[in-house]
């Protein structure tokens, strides 16, 4: 007999990606709507061209987290199948 957690796990494992997007999109939208409230540091980074390095590092970190979540989901799905086959 399967437990409720086991049967609900595949849906729950795909939710972190959606949750991450749901949390980041409002923050990005709020930041984009405040053009007059830019800090001096952002202006200095933009003028020197280093802002692109900051954006690239953030993008790499987020992509790495996304890939990690996807690989973790695949491994857990495979383990769940093995456990279900043993029963």
PDB file of N, CA and C in Angstrom:
ATOM      1  N   UNK A   1       0.840  -1.177   0.000  1.00  0.00           N
ATOM      2  CA  UNK A   1       0.000   0.000   0.000  1.00  0.00           C
ATOM      3  C   UNK A   1       0.889   1.245   0.000  1.00  0.00           C
ATOM      4  N   UNK A   2       0.583   2.159  -0.907  1.00  0.00           N
ATOM      5  CA  UNK A   2       1.387   3.374  -1.022  1.00  0.00           C
ATOM      6  C   UNK A   2       0.933   4.415  -0.008  1.00  0.00           C
ATOM      7  N   UNK A   3       1.888   5.149   0.506  1.00  0.00           N
ATOM      8  CA  UNK A   3       1.536   6.227   1.413  1.00  0.00           C
ATOM      9  C   UNK A   3       1.134   7.453   0.606  1.00  0.00           C
ATOM     10  N   UNK A   4       0.466   8.379   1.237  1.00  0.00           N
ATOM     11  CA  UNK A   4       0.031   9.601   0.550  1.00  0.00           C
ATOM     12  C   UNK A   4       1.206  10.441   0.110  1.00  0.00           C
ATOM     13  N   UNK A   5       2.264  10.473   0.900  1.00  0.00           N
ATOM     14  CA  UNK A   5       3.448  11.244   0.545  1.00  0.00           C
ATOM     15  C   UNK A   5       4.107  10.679  -0.700  1.00  0.00           C
ATOM     16  N   UNK A   6       4.157   9.358  -0.785  1.00  0.00           N
ATOM     17  CA  UNK A   6       4.790   8.723  -1.945  1.00  0.00           C
ATOM     18  C   UNK A   6       4.026   9.022  -3.223  1.00  0.00           C
ATOM     19  N   UNK A   7       2.714   9.000  -3.171  1.00  0.00           N
ATOM     20  CA  UNK A   7       1.929   9.237  -4.374  1.00  0.00           C
ATOM     21  C   UNK A   7       1.929  10.710  -4.749  1.00  0.00           C
ATOM     22  N   UNK A   8       2.122  11.613  -3.802  1.00  0.00           N
ATOM     23  CA  UNK A   8       2.119  13.040  -4.097  1.00  0.00           C
ATOM     24  C   UNK A   8       3.504  13.566  -4.430  1.00  0.00           C
ATOM     25  N   UNK A   9       4.542  12.773  -4.232  1.00  0.00           N
ATOM     26  CA  UNK A   9       5.918  13.249  -4.397  1.00  0.00           C
ATOM     27  C   UNK A   9       6.252  13.743  -5.794  1.00  0.00           C
ATOM     28  N   UNK A  10       5.877  13.074  -6.894  1.00  0.00           N
ATOM     29  CA  UNK A  10       6.271  13.583  -8.205  1.00  0.00           C
ATOM     30  C   UNK A  10       5.759  14.994  -8.476  1.00  0.00           C
ATOM     31  N   UNK A  11       4.541  15.309  -8.072  1.00  0.00           N
ATOM     32  CA  UNK A  11       4.019  16.655  -8.253  1.00  0.00           C
ATOM     33  C   UNK A  11       4.735  17.669  -7.387  1.00  0.00           C
ATOM     34  N   UNK A  12       5.096  17.258  -6.185  1.00  0.00           N
ATOM     35  CA  UNK A  12       5.779  18.168  -5.272  1.00  0.00           C
ATOM     36  C   UNK A  12       7.199  18.465  -5.715  1.00  0.00           C
ATOM     37  N   UNK A  13       7.825  17.547  -6.421  1.00  0.00           N
ATOM     38  CA  UNK A  13       9.208  17.746  -6.823  1.00  0.00           C
ATOM     39  C   UNK A  13       9.326  18.720  -7.990  1.00  0.00           C
ATOM     40  N   UNK A  14       8.272  18.883  -8.750  1.00  0.00           N
ATOM     41  CA  UNK A  14       8.322  19.817  -9.872  1.00  0.00           C
ATOM     42  C   UNK A  14       7.928  21.231  -9.455  1.00  0.00           C
ATOM     43  N   UNK A  15       7.439  21.370  -8.266  1.00  0.00           N
ATOM     44  CA  UNK A  15       6.994  22.675  -7.795  1.00  0.00           C
ATOM     45  C   UNK A  15       8.120  23.639  -7.453  1.00  0.00           C
ATOM     46  N   UNK A  16       9.323  23.198  -7.053  1.00  0.00           N
ATOM     47  CA  UNK A  16      10.362  24.175  -6.704  1.00  0.00           C
ATOM     48  C   UNK A  16      10.706  25.120  -7.858  1.00  0.00           C
ATOM     49  N   UNK A  17      10.676  24.615  -9.079  1.00  0.00           N
ATOM     50  CA  UNK A  17      10.994  25.466 -10.217  1.00  0.00           C
ATOM     51  C   UNK A  17       9.922  26.531 -10.366  1.00  0.00           C
ATOM     52  N   UNK A  18       8.668  26.132 -10.261  1.00  0.00           N
ATOM     53  CA  UNK A  18       7.579  27.093 -10.369  1.00  0.00           C
ATOM     54  C   UNK A  18       7.595  28.071  -9.203  1.00  0.00           C
ATOM     55  N   UNK A  19       7.932  27.583  -8.034  1.00  0.00           N
ATOM     56  CA  UNK A  19       8.020  28.453  -6.868  1.00  0.00           C
ATOM     57  C   UNK A  19       9.140  29.473  -7.027  1.00  0.00           C
ATOM     58  N   UNK A  20      10.270  29.039  -7.548  1.00  0.00           N
ATOM     59  CA  UNK A  20      11.390  29.948  -7.777  1.00  0.00           C
ATOM     60  C   UNK A  20      10.997  31.041  -8.755  1.00  0.00           C
ATOM     61  N   UNK A  21      10.342  30.675  -9.829  1.00  0.00           N
ATOM     62  CA  UNK A  21       9.885  31.669 -10.804  1.00  0.00           C
ATOM     63  C   UNK A  21       8.843  32.597 -10.202  1.00  0.00           C
ATOM     64  N   UNK A  22       7.940  32.043  -9.422  1.00  0.00           N
ATOM     65  CA  UNK A  22       6.899  32.864  -8.811  1.00  0.00           C
ATOM     66  C   UNK A  22       7.484  33.873  -7.827  1.00  0.00           C
ATOM     67  N   UNK A  23       8.587  33.528  -7.201  1.00  0.00           N
ATOM     68  CA  UNK A  23       9.219  34.451  -6.262  1.00  0.00           C
ATOM     69  C   UNK A  23      10.095  35.487  -6.964  1.00  0.00           C
ATOM     70  N   UNK A  24      10.742  35.098  -8.046  1.00  0.00           N
ATOM     71  CA  UNK A  24      11.671  36.002  -8.706  1.00  0.00           C
ATOM     72  C   UNK A  24      11.000  37.003  -9.635  1.00  0.00           C
ATOM     73  N   UNK A  25       9.944  36.593 -10.314  1.00  0.00           N
ATOM     74  CA  UNK A  25       9.318  37.488 -11.284  1.00  0.00           C
ATOM     75  C   UNK A  25       8.769  38.771 -10.666  1.00  0.00           C
ATOM     76  N   UNK A  26       8.063  38.725  -9.532  1.00  0.00           N
ATOM     77  CA  UNK A  26       7.616  39.992  -8.935  1.00  0.00           C
ATOM     78  C   UNK A  26       8.777  40.887  -8.493  1.00  0.00           C
ATOM     79  N   UNK A  27       9.857  40.277  -8.019  1.00  0.00           N
ATOM     80  CA  UNK A  27      11.011  41.085  -7.608  1.00  0.00           C
ATOM     81  C   UNK A  27      11.644  41.791  -8.804  1.00  0.00           C
ATOM     82  N   UNK A  28      11.770  41.071  -9.910  1.00  0.00           N
ATOM     83  CA  UNK A  28      12.334  41.672 -11.114  1.00  0.00           C
ATOM     84  C   UNK A  28      11.429  42.754 -11.662  1.00  0.00           C
ATOM     85  N   UNK A  29      10.133  42.529 -11.606  1.00  0.00           N
ATOM     86  CA  UNK A  29       9.190  43.522 -12.103  1.00  0.00           C
ATOM     87  C   UNK A  29       9.235  44.783 -11.247  1.00  0.00           C
ATOM     88  N   UNK A  30       9.302  44.626  -9.931  1.00  0.00           N
ATOM     89  CA  UNK A  30       9.368  45.780  -9.036  1.00  0.00           C
ATOM     90  C   UNK A  30      10.661  46.557  -9.256  1.00  0.00           C
ATOM     91  N   UNK A  31      11.744  45.863  -9.491  1.00  0.00           N
ATOM     92  CA  UNK A  31      13.019  46.539  -9.731  1.00  0.00           C
ATOM     93  C   UNK A  31      13.003  47.292 -11.059  1.00  0.00           C
ATOM     94  N   UNK A  32      12.319  46.754 -12.048  1.00  0.00           N
ATOM     95  CA  UNK A  32      12.270  47.397 -13.359  1.00  0.00           C
ATOM     96  C   UNK A  32      11.360  48.615 -13.355  1.00  0.00           C
ATOM     97  N   UNK A  33      10.417  48.705 -12.437  1.00  0.00           N
ATOM     98  CA  UNK A  33       9.469  49.809 -12.414  1.00  0.00           C
ATOM     99  C   UNK A  33       9.965  51.015 -11.617  1.00  0.00           C
ATOM    100  N   UNK A  34      11.116  50.929 -11.020  1.00  0.00           N
ATOM    101  CA  UNK A  34      11.631  52.032 -10.211  1.00  0.00           C
ATOM    102  C   UNK A  34      12.863  52.635 -10.872  1.00  0.00           C
ATOM    103  N   UNK A  35      12.698  53.352 -12.010  1.00  0.00           N
ATOM    104  CA  UNK A  35      13.870  53.871 -12.714  1.00  0.00           C
ATOM    105  C   UNK A  35      14.579  55.009 -11.982  1.00  0.00           C
ATOM    106  N   UNK A  36      13.867  55.807 -11.201  1.00  0.00           N
ATOM    107  CA  UNK A  36      14.490  56.940 -10.529  1.00  0.00           C
ATOM    108  C   UNK A  36      15.185  56.565  -9.241  1.00  0.00           C
ATOM    109  N   UNK A  37      14.953  55.394  -8.721  1.00  0.00           N
ATOM    110  CA  UNK A  37      15.486  54.991  -7.426  1.00  0.00           C
ATOM    111  C   UNK A  37      16.695  54.077  -7.577  1.00  0.00           C
ATOM    112  N   UNK A  38      17.535  54.345  -8.564  1.00  0.00           N
ATOM    113  CA  UNK A  38      18.703  53.495  -8.777  1.00  0.00           C
ATOM    114  C   UNK A  38      19.860  53.943  -7.894  1.00  0.00           C
ATOM    115  N   UNK A  39      20.490  52.998  -7.207  1.00  0.00           N
ATOM    116  CA  UNK A  39      21.621  53.344  -6.352  1.00  0.00           C
ATOM    117  C   UNK A  39      22.832  53.787  -7.179  1.00  0.00           C
ATOM    118  N   UNK A  40      23.715  54.498  -6.525  1.00  0.00           N
ATOM    119  CA  UNK A  40      24.924  54.983  -7.208  1.00  0.00           C
ATOM    120  C   UNK A  40      25.798  53.817  -7.666  1.00  0.00           C
ATOM    121  N   UNK A  41      25.825  52.743  -6.886  1.00  0.00           N
ATOM    122  CA  UNK A  41      26.651  51.597  -7.238  1.00  0.00           C
ATOM    123  C   UNK A  41      26.200  50.998  -8.566  1.00  0.00           C
ATOM    124  N   UNK A  42      24.883  50.915  -8.776  1.00  0.00           N
ATOM    125  CA  UNK A  42      24.372  50.355 -10.027  1.00  0.00           C
ATOM    126  C   UNK A  42      24.787  51.230 -11.204  1.00  0.00           C
ATOM    127  N   UNK A  43      24.745  52.529 -11.003  1.00  0.00           N
ATOM    128  CA  UNK A  43      25.144  53.443 -12.076  1.00  0.00           C
ATOM    129  C   UNK A  43      26.634  53.309 -12.376  1.00  0.00           C
ATOM    130  N   UNK A  44      27.442  53.172 -11.334  1.00  0.00           N
ATOM    131  CA  UNK A  44      28.884  53.014 -11.533  1.00  0.00           C
ATOM    132  C   UNK A  44      29.200  51.694 -12.238  1.00  0.00           C
ATOM    133  N   UNK A  45      28.515  50.626 -11.846  1.00  0.00           N
ATOM    134  CA  UNK A  45      28.732  49.339 -12.502  1.00  0.00           C
ATOM    135  C   UNK A  45      28.289  49.380 -13.961  1.00  0.00           C
ATOM    136  N   UNK A  46      27.203  50.087 -14.218  1.00  0.00           N
ATOM    137  CA  UNK A  46      26.717  50.179 -15.589  1.00  0.00           C
ATOM    138  C   UNK A  46      27.692  50.983 -16.458  1.00  0.00           C
ATOM    139  N   UNK A  47      28.217  52.059 -15.912  1.00  0.00           N
ATOM    140  CA  UNK A  47      29.140  52.893 -16.683  1.00  0.00           C
ATOM    141  C   UNK A  47      30.445  52.158 -16.980  1.00  0.00           C
ATOM    142  N   UNK A  48      30.905  51.348 -16.050  1.00  0.00           N
ATOM    143  CA  UNK A  48      32.159  50.633 -16.269  1.00  0.00           C
ATOM    144  C   UNK A  48      31.966  49.323 -17.028  1.00  0.00           C
ATOM    145  N   UNK A  49      30.718  48.927 -17.221  1.00  0.00           N
ATOM    146  CA  UNK A  49      30.446  47.697 -17.951  1.00  0.00           C
ATOM    147  C   UNK A  49      30.496  46.448 -17.087  1.00  0.00           C
ATOM    148  N   UNK A  50      30.709  46.609 -15.796  1.00  0.00           N
ATOM    149  CA  UNK A  50      30.805  45.448 -14.903  1.00  0.00           C
ATOM    150  C   UNK A  50      29.440  44.890 -14.521  1.00  0.00           C
ATOM    151  N   UNK A  51      28.380  45.626 -14.821  1.00  0.00           N
ATOM    152  CA  UNK A  51      27.040  45.139 -14.503  1.00  0.00           C
ATOM    153  C   UNK A  51      26.756  43.841 -15.242  1.00  0.00           C
ATOM    154  N   UNK A  52      27.337  43.685 -16.424  1.00  0.00           N
ATOM    155  CA  UNK A  52      27.124  42.472 -17.209  1.00  0.00           C
ATOM    156  C   UNK A  52      27.770  41.262 -16.531  1.00  0.00           C
ATOM    157  N   UNK A  53      28.865  41.497 -15.840  1.00  0.00           N
ATOM    158  CA  UNK A  53      29.509  40.410 -15.081  1.00  0.00           C
ATOM    159  C   UNK A  53      28.603  39.986 -13.928  1.00  0.00           C
ATOM    160  N   UNK A  54      28.025  40.951 -13.246  1.00  0.00           N
ATOM    161  CA  UNK A  54      27.123  40.654 -12.139  1.00  0.00           C
ATOM    162  C   UNK A  54      25.912  39.871 -12.637  1.00  0.00           C
ATOM    163  N   UNK A  55      25.327  40.330 -13.738  1.00  0.00           N
ATOM    164  CA  UNK A  55      24.158  39.642 -14.304  1.00  0.00           C
ATOM    165  C   UNK A  55      24.543  38.235 -14.755  1.00  0.00           C
ATOM    166  N   UNK A  56      25.705  38.077 -15.350  1.00  0.00           N
ATOM    167  CA  UNK A  56      26.148  36.757 -15.814  1.00  0.00           C
ATOM    168  C   UNK A  56      26.352  35.798 -14.634  1.00  0.00           C
ATOM    169  N   UNK A  57      26.933  36.277 -13.552  1.00  0.00           N
ATOM    170  CA  UNK A  57      27.156  35.425 -12.376  1.00  0.00           C
ATOM    171  C   UNK A  57      25.817  35.000 -11.778  1.00  0.00           C
ATOM    172  N   UNK A  58      24.887  35.932 -11.669  1.00  0.00           N
ATOM    173  CA  UNK A  58      23.563  35.593 -11.137  1.00  0.00           C
ATOM    174  C   UNK A  58      22.878  34.582 -12.040  1.00  0.00           C
ATOM    175  N   UNK A  59      22.975  34.766 -13.350  1.00  0.00           N
ATOM    176  CA  UNK A  59      22.354  33.834 -14.294  1.00  0.00           C
ATOM    177  C   UNK A  59      22.967  32.438 -14.179  1.00  0.00           C
ATOM    178  N   UNK A  60      24.288  32.370 -14.043  1.00  0.00           N
ATOM    179  CA  UNK A  60      24.953  31.075 -13.915  1.00  0.00           C
ATOM    180  C   UNK A  60      24.519  30.368 -12.633  1.00  0.00           C
ATOM    181  N   UNK A  61      24.412  31.100 -11.545  1.00  0.00           N
ATOM    182  CA  UNK A  61      23.985  30.504 -10.280  1.00  0.00           C
ATOM    183  C   UNK A  61      22.557  29.979 -10.388  1.00  0.00           C
ATOM    184  N   UNK A  62      21.660  30.779 -10.965  1.00  0.00           N
ATOM    185  CA  UNK A  62      20.273  30.343 -11.105  1.00  0.00           C
ATOM    186  C   UNK A  62      20.141  29.151 -12.044  1.00  0.00           C
ATOM    187  N   UNK A  63      20.889  29.149 -13.135  1.00  0.00           N
ATOM    188  CA  UNK A  63      20.864  28.013 -14.055  1.00  0.00           C
ATOM    189  C   UNK A  63      21.412  26.771 -13.371  1.00  0.00           C
ATOM    190  N   UNK A  64      22.465  26.935 -12.578  1.00  0.00           N
ATOM    191  CA  UNK A  64      23.011  25.801 -11.828  1.00  0.00           C
ATOM    192  C   UNK A  64      22.013  25.230 -10.848  1.00  0.00           C
ATOM    193  N   UNK A  65      21.293  26.095 -10.137  1.00  0.00           N
ATOM    194  CA  UNK A  65      20.262  25.622  -9.219  1.00  0.00           C
ATOM    195  C   UNK A  65      19.150  24.892  -9.957  1.00  0.00           C
ATOM    196  N   UNK A  66      18.752  25.433 -11.089  1.00  0.00           N
ATOM    197  CA  UNK A  66      17.701  24.801 -11.885  1.00  0.00           C
ATOM    198  C   UNK A  66      18.138  23.420 -12.372  1.00  0.00           C
ATOM    199  N   UNK A  67      19.363  23.315 -12.871  1.00  0.00           N
ATOM    200  CA  UNK A  67      19.866  22.020 -13.331  1.00  0.00           C
ATOM    201  C   UNK A  67      19.986  21.026 -12.183  1.00  0.00           C
ATOM    202  N   UNK A  68      20.394  21.513 -11.025  1.00  0.00           N
ATOM    203  CA  UNK A  68      20.481  20.649  -9.856  1.00  0.00           C
ATOM    204  C   UNK A  68      19.102  20.116  -9.473  1.00  0.00           C
ATOM    205  N   UNK A  69      18.088  20.983  -9.476  1.00  0.00           N
ATOM    206  CA  UNK A  69      16.737  20.546  -9.142  1.00  0.00           C
ATOM    207  C   UNK A  69      16.208  19.537 -10.150  1.00  0.00           C
ATOM    208  N   UNK A  70      16.504  19.753 -11.420  1.00  0.00           N
ATOM    209  CA  UNK A  70      16.054  18.827 -12.454  1.00  0.00           C
ATOM    210  C   UNK A  70      16.729  17.468 -12.269  1.00  0.00           C
ATOM    211  N   UNK A  71      18.038  17.463 -12.032  1.00  0.00           N
ATOM    212  CA  UNK A  71      18.731  16.179 -11.852  1.00  0.00           C
ATOM    213  C   UNK A  71      18.260  15.473 -10.589  1.00  0.00           C
ATOM    214  N   UNK A  72      18.008  16.224  -9.541  1.00  0.00           N
ATOM    215  CA  UNK A  72      17.507  15.641  -8.299  1.00  0.00           C
ATOM    216  C   UNK A  72      16.120  15.037  -8.509  1.00  0.00           C
ATOM    217  N   UNK A  73      15.285  15.714  -9.262  1.00  0.00           N
ATOM    218  CA  UNK A  73      13.955  15.201  -9.562  1.00  0.00           C
ATOM    219  C   UNK A  73      14.037  13.896 -10.350  1.00  0.00           C
ATOM    220  N   UNK A  74      14.930  13.836 -11.316  1.00  0.00           N
ATOM    221  CA  UNK A  74      15.088  12.603 -12.103  1.00  0.00           C
ATOM    222  C   UNK A  74      15.582  11.446 -11.243  1.00  0.00           C
ATOM    223  N   UNK A  75      16.548  11.719 -10.372  1.00  0.00           N
ATOM    224  CA  UNK A  75      17.061  10.661  -9.503  1.00  0.00           C
ATOM    225  C   UNK A  75      15.990  10.154  -8.549  1.00  0.00           C
ATOM    226  N   UNK A  76      15.226  11.083  -7.979  1.00  0.00           N
ATOM    227  CA  UNK A  76      14.165  10.667  -7.066  1.00  0.00           C
ATOM    228  C   UNK A  76      13.074   9.899  -7.789  1.00  0.00           C
ATOM    229  N   UNK A  77      12.738  10.308  -8.998  1.00  0.00           N
ATOM    230  CA  UNK A  77      11.733   9.580  -9.776  1.00  0.00           C
ATOM    231  C   UNK A  77      12.206   8.159 -10.069  1.00  0.00           C
ATOM    232  N   UNK A  78      13.480   8.024 -10.411  1.00  0.00           N
ATOM    233  CA  UNK A  78      14.032   6.697 -10.685  1.00  0.00           C
ATOM    234  C   UNK A  78      14.009   5.828  -9.423  1.00  0.00           C
ATOM    235  N   UNK A  79      14.366   6.391  -8.275  1.00  0.00           N
ATOM    236  CA  UNK A  79      14.330   5.644  -7.026  1.00  0.00           C
ATOM    237  C   UNK A  79      12.902   5.263  -6.645  1.00  0.00           C
ATOM    238  N   UNK A  80      11.956   6.163  -6.883  1.00  0.00           N
ATOM    239  CA  UNK A  80      10.562   5.854  -6.589  1.00  0.00           C
ATOM    240  C   UNK A  80      10.072   4.696  -7.457  1.00  0.00           C
ATOM    241  N   UNK A  81      10.489   4.680  -8.716  1.00  0.00           N
ATOM    242  CA  UNK A  81      10.112   3.572  -9.595  1.00  0.00           C
ATOM    243  C   UNK A  81      10.693   2.257  -9.090  1.00  0.00           C
ATOM    244  N   UNK A  82      11.952   2.288  -8.669  1.00  0.00           N
ATOM    245  CA  UNK A  82      12.590   1.067  -8.160  1.00  0.00           C
ATOM    246  C   UNK A  82      11.878   0.557  -6.916  1.00  0.00           C
ATOM    247  N   UNK A  83      11.511   1.447  -6.025  1.00  0.00           N
ATOM    248  CA  UNK A  83      10.809   1.048  -4.804  1.00  0.00           C
ATOM    249  C   UNK A  83       9.423   0.501  -5.166  1.00  0.00           C
ATOM    250  N   UNK A  84       8.754   1.132  -6.103  1.00  0.00           N
ATOM    251  CA  UNK A  84       7.421   0.663  -6.511  1.00  0.00           C
ATOM    252  C   UNK A  84       7.510  -0.700  -7.191  1.00  0.00           C
ATOM    253  N   UNK A  85       8.569  -0.949  -7.944  1.00  0.00           N
ATOM    254  CA  UNK A  85       8.734  -2.237  -8.620  1.00  0.00           C
ATOM    255  C   UNK A  85       9.033  -3.357  -7.638  1.00  0.00           C
ATOM    256  N   UNK A  86       9.699  -3.035  -6.535  1.00  0.00           N
ATOM    257  CA  UNK A  86      10.032  -4.052  -5.522  1.00  0.00           C
ATOM    258  C   UNK A  86       8.805  -4.513  -4.763  1.00  0.00           C
ATOM    259  N   UNK A  87       7.790  -3.679  -4.708  1.00  0.00           N
ATOM    260  CA  UNK A  87       6.584  -4.025  -3.936  1.00  0.00           C
ATOM    261  C   UNK A  87       5.669  -4.903  -4.696  1.00  0.00           C
TER     262      UNK A  87
END
